[in-house]
Amino acid sequence: MDKQANNPLHGITLQKILEQLLDLYGWKGLANHIDINCFKNEPSLRSSLKFLRKTPWARQQVEELYLRMVKES
């Protein structure tokens, strides 16, 4: 049995998640939802991905926001 069958994030890359959130909120909106410097000070996709990949608590917040966005749509 597939352990990931009930995981809504299975198969979705962090980059794809961040791109979709940016399409919806932009950097400023994303920084309002998640208060981390990589979204507030000279944000870029590359630097944000680097930070999120090595910072589990921040990545979790991004994933939770993404899941709320998907649920609302």
PDB file of N, CA and C in Angstrom:
ATOM      1  N   MET A   1       0.841  -1.177   0.000  1.00  0.00           N
ATOM      2  CA  MET A   1       0.000   0.000   0.000  1.00  0.00           C
ATOM      3  C   MET A   1       0.888   1.243   0.000  1.00  0.00           C
ATOM      4  N   ASP A   2       0.501   2.255  -0.775  1.00  0.00           N
ATOM      5  CA  ASP A   2       1.271   3.482  -0.913  1.00  0.00           C
ATOM      6  C   ASP A   2       1.096   4.363   0.318  1.00  0.00           C
ATOM      7  N   LYS A   3       2.196   4.631   1.015  1.00  0.00           N
ATOM      8  CA  LYS A   3       2.140   5.456   2.225  1.00  0.00           C
ATOM      9  C   LYS A   3       1.770   6.906   1.909  1.00  0.00           C
ATOM     10  N   GLN A   4       2.025   7.346   0.674  1.00  0.00           N
ATOM     11  CA  GLN A   4       1.784   8.736   0.300  1.00  0.00           C
ATOM     12  C   GLN A   4       0.387   8.974  -0.275  1.00  0.00           C
ATOM     13  N   ALA A   5      -0.430   7.966  -0.344  1.00  0.00           N
ATOM     14  CA  ALA A   5      -1.740   8.083  -0.992  1.00  0.00           C
ATOM     15  C   ALA A   5      -2.602   9.204  -0.406  1.00  0.00           C
ATOM     16  N   ASN A   6      -2.517   9.416   0.895  1.00  0.00           N
ATOM     17  CA  ASN A   6      -3.337  10.444   1.527  1.00  0.00           C
ATOM     18  C   ASN A   6      -2.584  11.748   1.769  1.00  0.00           C
ATOM     19  N   ASN A   7      -1.387  11.871   1.237  1.00  0.00           N
ATOM     20  CA  ASN A   7      -0.592  13.079   1.412  1.00  0.00           C
ATOM     21  C   ASN A   7      -0.877  14.036   0.253  1.00  0.00           C
ATOM     22  N   PRO A   8      -1.571  15.157   0.508  1.00  0.00           N
ATOM     23  CA  PRO A   8      -1.914  16.084  -0.582  1.00  0.00           C
ATOM     24  C   PRO A   8      -0.693  16.788  -1.182  1.00  0.00           C
ATOM     25  N   LEU A   9       0.450  16.722  -0.512  1.00  0.00           N
ATOM     26  CA  LEU A   9       1.659  17.349  -1.045  1.00  0.00           C
ATOM     27  C   LEU A   9       2.516  16.379  -1.858  1.00  0.00           C
ATOM     28  N   HIS A  10       2.125  15.117  -1.894  1.00  0.00           N
ATOM     29  CA  HIS A  10       2.907  14.118  -2.617  1.00  0.00           C
ATOM     30  C   HIS A  10       3.003  14.477  -4.098  1.00  0.00           C
ATOM     31  N   GLY A  11       4.225  14.505  -4.599  1.00  0.00           N
ATOM     32  CA  GLY A  11       4.444  14.771  -6.019  1.00  0.00           C
ATOM     33  C   GLY A  11       4.508  16.246  -6.374  1.00  0.00           C
ATOM     34  N   ILE A  12       4.368  17.141  -5.406  1.00  0.00           N
ATOM     35  CA  ILE A  12       4.415  18.573  -5.668  1.00  0.00           C
ATOM     36  C   ILE A  12       5.727  19.111  -5.098  1.00  0.00           C
ATOM     37  N   THR A  13       6.504  19.749  -5.946  1.00  0.00           N
ATOM     38  CA  THR A  13       7.790  20.269  -5.482  1.00  0.00           C
ATOM     39  C   THR A  13       7.596  21.553  -4.687  1.00  0.00           C
ATOM     40  N   LEU A  14       8.573  21.834  -3.852  1.00  0.00           N
ATOM     41  CA  LEU A  14       8.546  23.075  -3.081  1.00  0.00           C
ATOM     42  C   LEU A  14       8.537  24.281  -4.018  1.00  0.00           C
ATOM     43  N   GLN A  15       9.263  24.183  -5.116  1.00  0.00           N
ATOM     44  CA  GLN A  15       9.282  25.284  -6.079  1.00  0.00           C
ATOM     45  C   GLN A  15       7.887  25.533  -6.655  1.00  0.00           C
ATOM     46  N   LYS A  16       7.185  24.475  -7.007  1.00  0.00           N
ATOM     47  CA  LYS A  16       5.836  24.608  -7.554  1.00  0.00           C
ATOM     48  C   LYS A  16       4.888  25.226  -6.520  1.00  0.00           C
ATOM     49  N   ILE A  17       5.017  24.789  -5.270  1.00  0.00           N
ATOM     50  CA  ILE A  17       4.193  25.343  -4.191  1.00  0.00           C
ATOM     51  C   ILE A  17       4.437  26.837  -4.072  1.00  0.00           C
ATOM     52  N   LEU A  18       5.701  27.225  -4.028  1.00  0.00           N
ATOM     53  CA  LEU A  18       6.044  28.635  -3.870  1.00  0.00           C
ATOM     54  C   LEU A  18       5.591  29.455  -5.077  1.00  0.00           C
ATOM     55  N   GLU A  19       5.740  28.923  -6.269  1.00  0.00           N
ATOM     56  CA  GLU A  19       5.294  29.635  -7.469  1.00  0.00           C
ATOM     57  C   GLU A  19       3.789  29.878  -7.445  1.00  0.00           C
ATOM     58  N   GLN A  20       3.022  28.885  -7.027  1.00  0.00           N
ATOM     59  CA  GLN A  20       1.572  29.040  -6.973  1.00  0.00           C
ATOM     60  C   GLN A  20       1.158  30.045  -5.901  1.00  0.00           C
ATOM     61  N   LEU A  21       1.832  30.021  -4.761  1.00  0.00           N
ATOM     62  CA  LEU A  21       1.539  31.004  -3.716  1.00  0.00           C
ATOM     63  C   LEU A  21       1.885  32.409  -4.186  1.00  0.00           C
ATOM     64  N   LEU A  22       2.994  32.544  -4.912  1.00  0.00           N
ATOM     65  CA  LEU A  22       3.381  33.856  -5.429  1.00  0.00           C
ATOM     66  C   LEU A  22       2.390  34.371  -6.459  1.00  0.00           C
ATOM     67  N   ASP A  23       1.873  33.477  -7.289  1.00  0.00           N
ATOM     68  CA  ASP A  23       0.857  33.874  -8.267  1.00  0.00           C
ATOM     69  C   ASP A  23      -0.370  34.446  -7.577  1.00  0.00           C
ATOM     70  N   LEU A  24      -0.724  33.865  -6.453  1.00  0.00           N
ATOM     71  CA  LEU A  24      -1.916  34.291  -5.731  1.00  0.00           C
ATOM     72  C   LEU A  24      -1.669  35.509  -4.856  1.00  0.00           C
ATOM     73  N   TYR A  25      -0.581  35.503  -4.095  1.00  0.00           N
ATOM     74  CA  TYR A  25      -0.352  36.532  -3.078  1.00  0.00           C
ATOM     75  C   TYR A  25       0.705  37.567  -3.434  1.00  0.00           C
ATOM     76  N   GLY A  26       1.677  37.205  -4.276  1.00  0.00           N
ATOM     77  CA  GLY A  26       2.828  38.070  -4.502  1.00  0.00           C
ATOM     78  C   GLY A  26       3.736  38.032  -3.284  1.00  0.00           C
ATOM     79  N   TRP A  27       4.900  38.668  -3.384  1.00  0.00           N
ATOM     80  CA  TRP A  27       5.851  38.636  -2.270  1.00  0.00           C
ATOM     81  C   TRP A  27       5.302  39.327  -1.038  1.00  0.00           C
ATOM     82  N   LYS A  28       4.672  40.489  -1.246  1.00  0.00           N
ATOM     83  CA  LYS A  28       4.170  41.250  -0.106  1.00  0.00           C
ATOM     84  C   LYS A  28       3.065  40.482   0.625  1.00  0.00           C
ATOM     85  N   GLY A  29       2.148  39.907  -0.118  1.00  0.00           N
ATOM     86  CA  GLY A  29       1.076  39.123   0.488  1.00  0.00           C
ATOM     87  C   GLY A  29       1.601  37.888   1.190  1.00  0.00           C
ATOM     88  N   LEU A  30       2.599  37.264   0.578  1.00  0.00           N
ATOM     89  CA  LEU A  30       3.196  36.082   1.189  1.00  0.00           C
ATOM     90  C   LEU A  30       3.878  36.450   2.504  1.00  0.00           C
ATOM     91  N   ALA A  31       4.566  37.596   2.521  1.00  0.00           N
ATOM     92  CA  ALA A  31       5.219  38.067   3.747  1.00  0.00           C
ATOM     93  C   ALA A  31       4.187  38.405   4.822  1.00  0.00           C
ATOM     94  N   ASN A  32       2.996  38.851   4.421  1.00  0.00           N
ATOM     95  CA  ASN A  32       1.939  39.122   5.393  1.00  0.00           C
ATOM     96  C   ASN A  32       1.413  37.840   6.021  1.00  0.00           C
ATOM     97  N   HIS A  33       1.358  36.772   5.249  1.00  0.00           N
ATOM     98  CA  HIS A  33       0.887  35.479   5.751  1.00  0.00           C
ATOM     99  C   HIS A  33       1.950  34.759   6.572  1.00  0.00           C
ATOM    100  N   ILE A  34       3.190  34.845   6.104  1.00  0.00           N
ATOM    101  CA  ILE A  34       4.293  34.135   6.756  1.00  0.00           C
ATOM    102  C   ILE A  34       5.421  35.142   6.980  1.00  0.00           C
ATOM    103  N   ASP A  35       5.647  35.470   8.230  1.00  0.00           N
ATOM    104  CA  ASP A  35       6.598  36.519   8.587  1.00  0.00           C
ATOM    105  C   ASP A  35       8.030  35.996   8.633  1.00  0.00           C
ATOM    106  N   ILE A  36       8.637  35.868   7.437  1.00  0.00           N
ATOM    107  CA  ILE A  36      10.043  35.472   7.371  1.00  0.00           C
ATOM    108  C   ILE A  36      10.767  36.422   6.421  1.00  0.00           C
ATOM    109  N   ASN A  37      12.013  36.710   6.743  1.00  0.00           N
ATOM    110  CA  ASN A  37      12.779  37.714   6.007  1.00  0.00           C
ATOM    111  C   ASN A  37      12.960  37.407   4.530  1.00  0.00           C
ATOM    112  N   CYS A  38      13.040  36.147   4.166  1.00  0.00           N
ATOM    113  CA  CYS A  38      13.278  35.839   2.748  1.00  0.00           C
ATOM    114  C   CYS A  38      12.099  36.261   1.870  1.00  0.00           C
ATOM    115  N   PHE A  39      10.947  36.538   2.466  1.00  0.00           N
ATOM    116  CA  PHE A  39       9.803  37.046   1.712  1.00  0.00           C
ATOM    117  C   PHE A  39       9.705  38.570   1.782  1.00  0.00           C
ATOM    118  N   LYS A  40      10.426  39.182   2.721  1.00  0.00           N
ATOM    119  CA  LYS A  40      10.297  40.619   2.948  1.00  0.00           C
ATOM    120  C   LYS A  40      11.453  41.443   2.387  1.00  0.00           C
ATOM    121  N   ASN A  41      12.666  40.951   2.505  1.00  0.00           N
ATOM    122  CA  ASN A  41      13.857  41.716   2.131  1.00  0.00           C
ATOM    123  C   ASN A  41      14.471  41.195   0.845  1.00  0.00           C
ATOM    124  N   GLU A  42      14.283  41.929  -0.231  1.00  0.00           N
ATOM    125  CA  GLU A  42      14.805  41.553  -1.543  1.00  0.00           C
ATOM    126  C   GLU A  42      14.499  40.096  -1.880  1.00  0.00           C
ATOM    127  N   PRO A  43      13.230  39.747  -1.905  1.00  0.00           N
ATOM    128  CA  PRO A  43      12.870  38.342  -2.136  1.00  0.00           C
ATOM    129  C   PRO A  43      13.172  37.879  -3.561  1.00  0.00           C
ATOM    130  N   SER A  44      13.552  36.630  -3.664  1.00  0.00           N
ATOM    131  CA  SER A  44      13.696  35.982  -4.965  1.00  0.00           C
ATOM    132  C   SER A  44      13.311  34.523  -4.786  1.00  0.00           C
ATOM    133  N   LEU A  45      12.902  33.920  -5.856  1.00  0.00           N
ATOM    134  CA  LEU A  45      12.510  32.518  -5.803  1.00  0.00           C
ATOM    135  C   LEU A  45      13.697  31.659  -5.362  1.00  0.00           C
ATOM    136  N   ARG A  46      14.847  31.931  -5.926  1.00  0.00           N
ATOM    137  CA  ARG A  46      16.029  31.124  -5.625  1.00  0.00           C
ATOM    138  C   ARG A  46      16.435  31.210  -4.145  1.00  0.00           C
ATOM    139  N   SER A  47      16.515  32.438  -3.620  1.00  0.00           N
ATOM    140  CA  SER A  47      16.939  32.578  -2.226  1.00  0.00           C
ATOM    141  C   SER A  47      15.893  32.028  -1.260  1.00  0.00           C
ATOM    142  N   SER A  48      14.626  32.192  -1.605  1.00  0.00           N
ATOM    143  CA  SER A  48      13.562  31.673  -0.749  1.00  0.00           C
ATOM    144  C   SER A  48      13.578  30.153  -0.716  1.00  0.00           C
ATOM    145  N   LEU A  49      13.759  29.530  -1.870  1.00  0.00           N
ATOM    146  CA  LEU A  49      13.825  28.070  -1.919  1.00  0.00           C
ATOM    147  C   LEU A  49      15.012  27.551  -1.117  1.00  0.00           C
ATOM    148  N   LYS A  50      16.143  28.230  -1.228  1.00  0.00           N
ATOM    149  CA  LYS A  50      17.330  27.817  -0.478  1.00  0.00           C
ATOM    150  C   LYS A  50      17.050  27.868   1.026  1.00  0.00           C
ATOM    151  N   PHE A  51      16.429  28.960   1.484  1.00  0.00           N
ATOM    152  CA  PHE A  51      16.104  29.106   2.897  1.00  0.00           C
ATOM    153  C   PHE A  51      15.094  28.051   3.346  1.00  0.00           C
ATOM    154  N   LEU A  52      14.033  27.877   2.568  1.00  0.00           N
ATOM    155  CA  LEU A  52      12.973  26.949   2.958  1.00  0.00           C
ATOM    156  C   LEU A  52      13.456  25.504   2.998  1.00  0.00           C
ATOM    157  N   ARG A  53      14.371  25.153   2.112  1.00  0.00           N
ATOM    158  CA  ARG A  53      14.875  23.775   2.090  1.00  0.00           C
ATOM    159  C   ARG A  53      15.703  23.435   3.317  1.00  0.00           C
ATOM    160  N   LYS A  54      16.314  24.438   3.941  1.00  0.00           N
ATOM    161  CA  LYS A  54      17.130  24.144   5.120  1.00  0.00           C
ATOM    162  C   LYS A  54      16.490  24.611   6.424  1.00  0.00           C
ATOM    163  N   THR A  55      15.239  25.073   6.365  1.00  0.00           N
ATOM    164  CA  THR A  55      14.556  25.569   7.557  1.00  0.00           C
ATOM    165  C   THR A  55      13.189  24.896   7.676  1.00  0.00           C
ATOM    166  N   PRO A  56      13.133  23.752   8.348  1.00  0.00           N
ATOM    167  CA  PRO A  56      11.900  22.955   8.394  1.00  0.00           C
ATOM    168  C   PRO A  56      10.661  23.714   8.900  1.00  0.00           C
ATOM    169  N   TRP A  57      10.795  24.558   9.924  1.00  0.00           N
ATOM    170  CA  TRP A  57       9.619  25.253  10.454  1.00  0.00           C
ATOM    171  C   TRP A  57       9.051  26.227   9.421  1.00  0.00           C
ATOM    172  N   ALA A  58       9.912  26.864   8.652  1.00  0.00           N
ATOM    173  CA  ALA A  58       9.445  27.805   7.627  1.00  0.00           C
ATOM    174  C   ALA A  58       8.789  27.052   6.473  1.00  0.00           C
ATOM    175  N   ARG A  59       9.405  25.953   6.079  1.00  0.00           N
ATOM    176  CA  ARG A  59       8.827  25.139   5.005  1.00  0.00           C
ATOM    177  C   ARG A  59       7.447  24.632   5.416  1.00  0.00           C
ATOM    178  N   GLN A  60       7.303  24.231   6.662  1.00  0.00           N
ATOM    179  CA  GLN A  60       6.015  23.746   7.145  1.00  0.00           C
ATOM    180  C   GLN A  60       4.944  24.840   7.039  1.00  0.00           C
ATOM    181  N   GLN A  61       5.305  26.064   7.378  1.00  0.00           N
ATOM    182  CA  GLN A  61       4.344  27.163   7.279  1.00  0.00           C
ATOM    183  C   GLN A  61       3.929  27.406   5.835  1.00  0.00           C
ATOM    184  N   VAL A  62       4.884  27.317   4.912  1.00  0.00           N
ATOM    185  CA  VAL A  62       4.579  27.493   3.486  1.00  0.00           C
ATOM    186  C   VAL A  62       3.663  26.372   3.009  1.00  0.00           C
ATOM    187  N   GLU A  63       3.956  25.150   3.389  1.00  0.00           N
ATOM    188  CA  GLU A  63       3.132  24.012   2.988  1.00  0.00           C
ATOM    189  C   GLU A  63       1.721  24.123   3.563  1.00  0.00           C
ATOM    190  N   GLU A  64       1.595  24.580   4.796  1.00  0.00           N
ATOM    191  CA  GLU A  64       0.273  24.742   5.411  1.00  0.00           C
ATOM    192  C   GLU A  64      -0.532  25.829   4.703  1.00  0.00           C
ATOM    193  N   LEU A  65       0.131  26.928   4.339  1.00  0.00           N
ATOM    194  CA  LEU A  65      -0.556  27.990   3.595  1.00  0.00           C
ATOM    195  C   LEU A  65      -1.010  27.472   2.230  1.00  0.00           C
ATOM    196  N   TYR A  66      -0.159  26.693   1.579  1.00  0.00           N
ATOM    197  CA  TYR A  66      -0.507  26.106   0.285  1.00  0.00           C
ATOM    198  C   TYR A  66      -1.732  25.193   0.421  1.00  0.00           C
ATOM    199  N   LEU A  67      -1.754  24.366   1.444  1.00  0.00           N
ATOM    200  CA  LEU A  67      -2.883  23.461   1.639  1.00  0.00           C
ATOM    201  C   LEU A  67      -4.179  24.243   1.898  1.00  0.00           C
ATOM    202  N   ARG A  68      -4.085  25.332   2.648  1.00  0.00           N
ATOM    203  CA  ARG A  68      -5.274  26.180   2.869  1.00  0.00           C
ATOM    204  C   ARG A  68      -5.737  26.804   1.541  1.00  0.00           C
ATOM    205  N   MET A  69      -4.776  27.222   0.712  1.00  0.00           N
ATOM    206  CA  MET A  69      -5.104  27.812  -0.584  1.00  0.00           C
ATOM    207  C   MET A  69      -5.810  26.797  -1.475  1.00  0.00           C
ATOM    208  N   VAL A  70      -5.309  25.575  -1.495  1.00  0.00           N
ATOM    209  CA  VAL A  70      -5.902  24.520  -2.323  1.00  0.00           C
ATOM    210  C   VAL A  70      -7.296  24.185  -1.825  1.00  0.00           C
ATOM    211  N   LYS A  71      -7.448  24.111  -0.523  1.00  0.00           N
ATOM    212  CA  LYS A  71      -8.734  23.772   0.074  1.00  0.00           C
ATOM    213  C   LYS A  71      -9.801  24.822  -0.243  1.00  0.00           C
ATOM    214  N   GLU A  72      -9.397  26.101  -0.283  1.00  0.00           N
ATOM    215  CA  GLU A  72     -10.334  27.188  -0.538  1.00  0.00           C
ATOM    216  C   GLU A  72     -10.721  27.298  -2.005  1.00  0.00           C
ATOM    217  N   SER A  73      -9.905  26.765  -2.893  1.00  0.00           N
ATOM    218  CA  SER A  73     -10.211  26.912  -4.329  1.00  0.00           C
ATOM    219  C   SER A  73     -11.095  25.812  -4.850  1.00  0.00           C
TER     220      SER A  73
END
